[in-house]
Amino acid sequence: MNTDQAEAWNGPEGAHWADHHDRAGGVNSVLLEELFRVAAIGRRDVVLDIGCGTGDSTRLAARRAVQGRAVGIDLSSPMLERARAAAAREGVPNARFDQGDAQVYAFPQGGYDVAISMFGVMFFGDPVAAFANIGRALRPGGRLVFACPGEMSLCDWYTVPMAALGGLVSRDGTGAPQPSGMFSLADRARTAAVLTDAGFGGVSLERVDAELEFGANVAEAVEFFFDSGPVRAFAQDHPEIAPSRVRETLVAALRPYEHGTGVRLNGAHWIAAATRG
């Protein structure tokens, strides 16, 4: 399942996030705080982290569940290598990482108290089937809490760089960002319906507007965006545009968002919560 995603996350996309593993937690730090506030992980909980990436959220969950454990699952081998190394380096023995597709992975039925995800549930080929599989992994009354992007037009961290690049190929010099699969759960009603159809109850979606930080300065932020999936896809679609021009465009687009403590762009996000029936 999710063959295209497996190829991406074990290829350039996974390598990008693995290379930037030291900044992954910083980018999403505000949302991580909100995610864990809602998840309310207890000391004895067994936690499943869906799309765990380089494991920042898994290790944090393991520290909260000090008498339990946290298991992170992800498609990406390079990201999981970073996650395991970080857990060993930081001394988090109750964090474990498995490679697999959460849509079809054979989780132990009822084996988890809480399932969390930080931007890891937007790319399922069949979201209802995927969330149903995650639901079976939860004990009755177990909780699912995840963060995902809200409406694309309200996410400056996507529209600002991508509109600037789009302007390079439009006739009037203004560009409209192309839709992205990362916004597949942006519609509140649809996401609630998906979770309900997957067997969850008590569904709620709380909007969180938050600035995400992409680097200490414009140079760092440009390097981050330049290797990201959307920018890389743009460059592949437009080989006539020199990489130097892409970089220059990103510099100009991101410069207004450089503050004394870093380059920060705002976005609208959902913290979704539901309970297994």
Protein backbone atom coordinates (compact mmCIF):
# COMPACT_ATOMS: atom_id res chain seq x y z
CA MET A 1 0.00 0.00 0.00
CA ASN A 2 1.03 3.64 -0.48
CA THR A 3 3.79 2.58 -2.89
CA ASP A 4 4.46 6.11 -4.10
CA GLN A 5 4.77 7.37 -0.54
CA ALA A 6 7.11 4.52 0.39
CA GLU A 7 9.36 5.41 -2.55
CA ALA A 8 9.37 9.10 -1.62
CA TRP A 9 10.03 8.59 2.08
CA ASN A 10 12.78 6.07 1.41
CA GLY A 11 14.19 8.38 -1.25
CA PRO A 12 14.60 12.16 -1.47
CA GLU A 13 11.83 13.15 0.95
CA GLY A 14 13.04 10.84 3.69
CA ALA A 15 16.64 11.87 3.12
CA HIS A 16 15.64 15.55 3.35
CA TRP A 17 14.00 15.16 6.75
CA ALA A 18 16.75 12.84 7.98
CA ASP A 19 19.34 15.45 7.00
CA HIS A 20 17.34 18.11 8.85
CA HIS A 21 16.55 15.91 11.84
CA ASP A 22 18.00 18.47 14.22
CA ARG A 23 15.40 21.01 13.09
CA ALA A 24 12.35 18.78 12.70
CA GLY A 25 11.23 19.26 16.29
CA GLY A 26 11.89 22.97 16.17
CA VAL A 27 9.74 23.47 13.08
CA ASN A 28 6.75 21.93 14.81
CA SER A 29 7.49 22.82 18.44
CA VAL A 30 4.33 24.86 19.06
CA LEU A 31 2.10 22.20 17.53
CA LEU A 32 3.88 19.47 19.48
CA GLU A 33 2.99 21.26 22.70
CA GLU A 34 -0.67 21.45 21.66
CA LEU A 35 -0.68 17.83 20.49
CA PHE A 36 0.63 16.58 23.82
CA ARG A 37 -1.69 18.85 25.78
CA VAL A 38 -4.69 17.20 24.13
CA ALA A 39 -3.21 13.69 24.15
CA ALA A 40 -2.67 13.85 27.94
CA ILE A 41 -0.32 10.86 27.93
CA GLY A 42 -0.15 9.12 31.31
CA ARG A 43 2.84 7.56 33.05
CA ARG A 44 1.70 4.00 32.32
CA ASP A 45 0.33 4.52 28.81
CA VAL A 46 1.44 2.52 25.80
CA VAL A 47 1.65 5.02 22.95
CA LEU A 48 1.64 4.52 19.18
CA ASP A 49 3.19 7.33 17.10
CA ILE A 50 2.01 7.25 13.48
CA GLY A 51 4.42 8.64 10.88
CA CYS A 52 6.97 9.27 13.59
CA GLY A 53 9.75 10.44 11.26
CA THR A 54 12.98 11.08 13.13
CA GLY A 55 11.23 10.34 16.40
CA ASP A 56 10.99 13.66 18.26
CA SER A 57 7.35 13.04 19.18
CA THR A 58 7.99 9.37 20.02
CA ARG A 59 10.80 10.18 22.42
CA LEU A 60 8.71 12.89 24.05
CA ALA A 61 5.83 10.42 24.43
CA ALA A 62 8.18 7.84 25.94
CA ARG A 63 9.37 10.38 28.50
CA ARG A 64 5.77 11.11 29.44
CA ALA A 65 4.92 7.39 29.62
CA VAL A 66 7.83 6.70 31.93
CA GLN A 67 6.31 3.43 33.19
CA GLY A 68 4.89 2.53 29.79
CA ARG A 69 6.44 2.79 26.35
CA ALA A 70 6.13 4.50 22.98
CA VAL A 71 6.35 2.83 19.57
CA GLY A 72 6.95 4.92 16.47
CA ILE A 73 6.07 3.62 13.01
CA ASP A 74 7.10 5.16 9.72
CA LEU A 75 7.69 4.23 6.09
CA SER A 76 11.10 5.90 5.98
CA SER A 77 14.21 3.85 6.71
CA PRO A 78 16.60 6.86 6.76
CA MET A 79 14.38 8.74 9.19
CA LEU A 80 14.01 5.72 11.45
CA GLU A 81 17.79 5.31 11.56
CA ARG A 82 18.01 8.85 12.92
CA ALA A 83 15.19 8.14 15.38
CA ARG A 84 16.86 5.05 16.81
CA ALA A 85 20.22 6.79 17.09
CA ALA A 86 18.67 9.75 18.89
CA ALA A 87 16.80 7.51 21.35
CA ALA A 88 20.04 5.68 22.17
CA ARG A 89 22.01 8.91 22.46
CA GLU A 90 19.43 10.55 24.71
CA GLY A 91 18.88 7.48 26.85
CA VAL A 92 15.20 6.78 26.10
CA PRO A 93 15.01 2.98 26.45
CA ASN A 94 11.21 2.77 26.33
CA ALA A 95 11.03 4.18 22.78
CA ARG A 96 10.96 1.69 19.89
CA PHE A 97 10.77 2.29 16.15
CA ASP A 98 9.25 0.00 13.50
CA GLN A 99 9.19 0.42 9.74
CA GLY A 100 5.82 -0.07 8.12
CA ASP A 101 2.69 1.34 6.53
CA ALA A 102 0.16 2.22 9.23
CA GLN A 103 -2.68 1.63 6.77
CA VAL A 104 -2.05 -2.12 6.70
CA TYR A 105 0.47 -2.80 9.49
CA ALA A 106 -0.42 -5.76 11.73
CA PHE A 107 -0.61 -3.90 15.02
CA PRO A 108 -1.42 -5.92 18.13
CA GLN A 109 -5.18 -5.58 18.54
CA GLY A 110 -6.01 -3.36 21.48
CA GLY A 111 -2.33 -3.01 22.26
CA TYR A 112 -2.19 0.77 22.74
CA ASP A 113 -3.78 3.33 25.02
CA VAL A 114 -3.06 6.38 22.87
CA ALA A 115 -2.21 6.92 19.20
CA ILE A 116 -0.64 10.24 18.22
CA SER A 117 0.66 11.73 15.00
CA MET A 118 2.48 14.93 14.14
CA PHE A 119 1.81 15.60 10.43
CA GLY A 120 1.96 11.85 9.73
CA VAL A 121 -1.57 10.92 8.62
CA MET A 122 -2.27 13.05 5.53
CA PHE A 123 -0.91 10.74 2.83
CA PHE A 124 -2.92 7.55 3.29
CA GLY A 125 -4.16 5.98 0.06
CA ASP A 126 -7.40 5.01 1.83
CA PRO A 127 -7.79 7.15 4.96
CA VAL A 128 -10.89 5.34 6.27
CA ALA A 129 -9.12 1.96 6.05
CA ALA A 130 -5.98 3.44 7.60
CA PHE A 131 -7.74 5.00 10.57
CA ALA A 132 -9.79 1.84 11.06
CA ASN A 133 -6.55 -0.13 11.26
CA ILE A 134 -5.17 2.34 13.79
CA GLY A 135 -8.43 2.09 15.72
CA ARG A 136 -8.07 -1.68 16.00
CA ALA A 137 -4.65 -1.11 17.54
CA LEU A 138 -6.25 0.90 20.36
CA ARG A 139 -7.92 -0.58 23.40
CA PRO A 140 -11.65 0.20 23.79
CA GLY A 141 -11.82 3.83 24.86
CA GLY A 142 -8.31 4.46 23.57
CA ARG A 143 -7.54 7.93 22.23
CA LEU A 144 -6.37 9.14 18.82
CA VAL A 145 -4.87 12.63 18.63
CA PHE A 146 -3.12 14.07 15.60
CA ALA A 147 -1.97 17.38 14.14
CA CYS A 148 -2.42 18.20 10.46
CA PRO A 149 -2.47 21.30 8.26
CA GLY A 150 -5.64 23.30 7.91
CA GLU A 151 -6.77 25.13 4.78
CA MET A 152 -3.92 25.60 2.33
CA SER A 153 -4.65 29.29 1.75
CA LEU A 154 -4.15 29.90 5.47
CA CYS A 155 -0.75 28.20 5.64
CA ASP A 156 1.87 30.82 4.80
CA TRP A 157 4.64 28.26 5.32
CA TYR A 158 3.40 26.61 2.11
CA THR A 159 1.82 29.39 0.08
CA VAL A 160 4.58 31.99 0.47
CA PRO A 161 7.45 30.00 -1.08
CA MET A 162 5.27 28.12 -3.57
CA ALA A 163 3.43 31.22 -4.84
CA ALA A 164 6.78 32.95 -5.34
CA LEU A 165 8.05 30.04 -7.40
CA GLY A 166 4.77 29.88 -9.30
CA GLY A 167 5.32 33.48 -10.30
CA LEU A 168 8.41 32.40 -12.24
CA VAL A 169 6.28 30.45 -14.71
CA SER A 170 3.07 32.48 -14.86
CA ARG A 171 2.39 35.02 -17.57
CA ASP A 172 1.71 37.88 -15.19
CA GLY A 173 4.43 37.04 -12.66
CA THR A 174 2.01 35.98 -9.95
CA GLY A 175 1.61 32.38 -8.99
CA ALA A 176 -1.02 30.25 -7.30
CA PRO A 177 0.36 27.34 -5.28
CA GLN A 178 -0.54 23.92 -6.61
CA PRO A 179 -2.66 21.69 -4.35
CA SER A 180 -0.72 19.25 -2.21
CA GLY A 181 -1.63 15.95 -0.60
CA MET A 182 -0.48 17.33 2.73
CA PHE A 183 -3.79 19.22 2.87
CA SER A 184 -5.94 16.11 2.40
CA LEU A 185 -7.41 16.49 5.91
CA ALA A 186 -7.79 20.27 5.81
CA ASP A 187 -11.58 20.16 5.44
CA ARG A 188 -13.00 19.87 8.94
CA ALA A 189 -16.26 18.16 7.97
CA ARG A 190 -14.55 15.63 5.71
CA THR A 191 -11.97 14.71 8.34
CA ALA A 192 -14.67 14.25 10.97
CA ALA A 193 -16.57 12.02 8.55
CA VAL A 194 -13.46 9.95 7.80
CA LEU A 195 -12.84 9.32 11.50
CA THR A 196 -16.50 8.49 12.12
CA ASP A 197 -16.57 6.07 9.17
CA ALA A 198 -13.40 4.47 10.57
CA GLY A 199 -15.23 3.65 13.79
CA PHE A 200 -14.19 6.50 16.06
CA GLY A 201 -16.49 8.50 18.30
CA GLY A 202 -16.22 11.77 20.18
CA VAL A 203 -14.53 13.42 17.22
CA SER A 204 -13.32 16.99 17.71
CA LEU A 205 -11.06 19.29 15.70
CA GLU A 206 -9.47 22.28 17.40
CA ARG A 207 -7.94 24.96 15.20
CA VAL A 208 -4.47 26.07 16.22
CA ASP A 209 -2.87 29.04 14.49
CA ALA A 210 0.86 28.82 14.98
CA GLU A 211 4.09 30.15 13.55
CA LEU A 212 6.49 27.43 12.44
CA GLU A 213 10.21 28.17 12.44
CA PHE A 214 12.30 27.02 9.46
CA GLY A 215 15.75 28.28 10.33
CA ALA A 216 17.77 30.72 12.38
CA ASN A 217 18.12 32.96 9.33
CA VAL A 218 17.07 33.18 5.68
CA ALA A 219 20.04 31.15 4.47
CA GLU A 220 19.07 28.22 6.70
CA ALA A 221 15.40 28.47 5.77
CA VAL A 222 16.19 28.54 2.06
CA GLU A 223 18.32 25.39 2.37
CA PHE A 224 15.44 23.70 4.18
CA PHE A 225 12.83 24.67 1.59
CA PHE A 226 15.11 24.08 -1.40
CA ASP A 227 15.35 20.35 -0.63
CA SER A 228 11.74 19.95 0.46
CA GLY A 229 9.30 17.86 -1.55
CA PRO A 230 7.17 20.70 -3.01
CA VAL A 231 10.17 22.78 -4.12
CA ARG A 232 11.98 19.75 -5.48
CA ALA A 233 8.86 18.81 -7.47
CA PHE A 234 8.67 22.35 -8.86
CA ALA A 235 12.30 22.18 -9.96
CA GLN A 236 11.74 18.82 -11.65
CA ASP A 237 8.69 20.16 -13.49
CA HIS A 238 10.61 23.25 -14.66
CA PRO A 239 14.16 22.22 -15.56
CA GLU A 240 14.46 25.40 -17.63
CA ILE A 241 14.70 27.41 -14.40
CA ALA A 242 18.23 27.41 -12.99
CA PRO A 243 18.63 26.27 -9.37
CA SER A 244 20.25 29.62 -8.61
CA ARG A 245 17.05 31.37 -9.72
CA VAL A 246 14.98 29.12 -7.48
CA ARG A 247 17.21 29.98 -4.53
CA GLU A 248 17.08 33.69 -5.27
CA THR A 249 13.30 33.54 -5.44
CA LEU A 250 13.10 31.75 -2.11
CA VAL A 251 15.43 34.29 -0.50
CA ALA A 252 13.23 37.18 -1.64
CA ALA A 253 10.03 35.42 -0.56
CA LEU A 254 11.30 34.46 2.90
CA ARG A 255 13.19 37.65 3.76
CA PRO A 256 10.12 39.47 5.18
CA TYR A 257 9.60 36.58 7.63
CA GLU A 258 13.08 36.76 9.14
CA HIS A 259 12.94 37.93 12.74
CA GLY A 260 15.60 38.19 15.39
CA THR A 261 15.05 34.61 16.53
CA GLY A 262 14.54 32.94 13.15
CA VAL A 263 12.44 32.66 10.00
CA ARG A 264 8.84 32.05 11.05
CA LEU A 265 5.72 31.63 8.92
CA ASN A 266 2.19 31.30 10.21
CA GLY A 267 -0.30 28.58 9.44
CA ALA A 268 -3.72 27.24 10.39
CA HIS A 269 -3.69 23.69 11.73
CA TRP A 270 -6.01 21.14 13.26
CA ILE A 271 -5.50 19.16 16.43
CA ALA A 272 -7.94 16.30 15.91
CA ALA A 273 -9.04 14.00 18.73
CA ALA A 274 -11.27 10.93 18.73
CA THR A 275 -11.97 7.86 20.83
CA ARG A 276 -12.17 4.22 19.83
CA GLY A 277 -15.66 2.87 20.50
